[in-house]
Amino acid sequence: MDAEKNEKIKKLINEIAEYYDEPDEKQVEEMRKLTGVDWYAEDLQTLCCGYWESPHTLEELVYFLIHEEWPQK
């Protein structure tokens, strides 16, 4: 995977999680552009704001946002 793109996704995840609200349209569009997936704001809110409570790492969340499935462990 592209390390620079992954870092941008991580930064965006943290921006979304920081406010705990639905991401704004600019953030949604940026995530769509970076991942190639047509994400909805509500889904991004759930994933980004809840990842720190989940059993998944930030890197695994980046993988999920790109591939729409969790990486195999």
Protein backbone atom coordinates (compact mmCIF):
# COMPACT_ATOMS: atom_id res chain seq x y z
CA MET A 1 0.00 0.00 0.00
CA ASP A 2 0.98 3.57 -0.55
CA ALA A 3 2.48 4.86 2.73
CA GLU A 4 1.78 8.53 1.94
CA LYS A 5 -1.88 7.80 1.16
CA ASN A 6 -2.19 5.73 4.34
CA GLU A 7 -0.83 8.60 6.41
CA LYS A 8 -3.38 10.98 4.87
CA ILE A 9 -6.17 8.52 5.70
CA LYS A 10 -4.91 8.22 9.30
CA LYS A 11 -4.86 11.98 9.66
CA LEU A 12 -8.39 12.23 8.30
CA ILE A 13 -9.61 9.46 10.64
CA ASN A 14 -8.22 11.40 13.59
CA GLU A 15 -9.80 14.67 12.37
CA ILE A 16 -13.20 12.99 12.11
CA ALA A 17 -12.83 11.27 15.50
CA GLU A 18 -11.74 14.49 17.21
CA TYR A 19 -15.17 16.16 16.87
CA TYR A 20 -17.28 13.00 17.31
CA ASP A 21 -19.85 14.41 14.86
CA GLU A 22 -20.55 13.32 11.33
CA PRO A 23 -17.73 14.41 9.05
CA ASP A 24 -18.46 17.38 6.85
CA GLU A 25 -18.87 16.98 3.10
CA LYS A 26 -15.26 17.99 2.46
CA GLN A 27 -13.98 15.24 4.76
CA VAL A 28 -16.30 12.67 3.19
CA GLU A 29 -15.16 13.62 -0.30
CA GLU A 30 -11.51 13.45 0.73
CA MET A 31 -12.01 9.98 2.23
CA ARG A 32 -13.79 8.85 -0.93
CA LYS A 33 -10.92 10.18 -3.03
CA LEU A 34 -8.25 8.53 -0.89
CA THR A 35 -9.95 5.14 -0.55
CA GLY A 36 -11.89 4.84 -3.80
CA VAL A 37 -14.98 3.83 -1.80
CA ASP A 38 -18.28 5.75 -1.82
CA TRP A 39 -18.50 6.20 1.95
CA TYR A 40 -21.46 7.81 3.73
CA ALA A 41 -20.82 10.38 6.47
CA GLU A 42 -22.69 8.29 9.06
CA ASP A 43 -20.55 5.21 8.33
CA LEU A 44 -17.34 7.20 8.56
CA GLN A 45 -18.46 8.67 11.87
CA THR A 46 -19.15 5.20 13.29
CA LEU A 47 -15.85 3.76 12.09
CA CYS A 48 -13.58 6.70 12.89
CA CYS A 49 -15.08 7.61 16.25
CA GLY A 50 -15.26 4.03 17.46
CA TYR A 51 -12.02 2.48 16.29
CA TRP A 52 -10.19 3.18 19.55
CA GLU A 53 -12.81 1.08 21.39
CA SER A 54 -12.63 -1.72 18.84
CA PRO A 55 -10.18 -4.61 18.79
CA HIS A 56 -8.69 -3.20 15.57
CA THR A 57 -5.67 -0.96 15.19
CA LEU A 58 -5.54 2.29 13.27
CA GLU A 59 -3.65 0.51 10.50
CA GLU A 60 -6.37 -2.14 10.31
CA LEU A 61 -9.01 0.58 10.05
CA VAL A 62 -7.10 2.15 7.15
CA TYR A 63 -7.09 -1.27 5.46
CA PHE A 64 -10.84 -1.61 6.07
CA LEU A 65 -11.60 1.81 4.62
CA ILE A 66 -9.74 0.92 1.44
CA HIS A 67 -10.83 -2.73 1.04
CA GLU A 68 -14.19 -2.73 2.86
CA GLU A 69 -13.11 -5.79 4.86
CA TRP A 70 -10.86 -6.32 7.85
CA PRO A 71 -7.39 -7.71 7.21
CA GLN A 72 -6.77 -11.37 7.96
CA LYS A 73 -4.86 -11.95 11.18
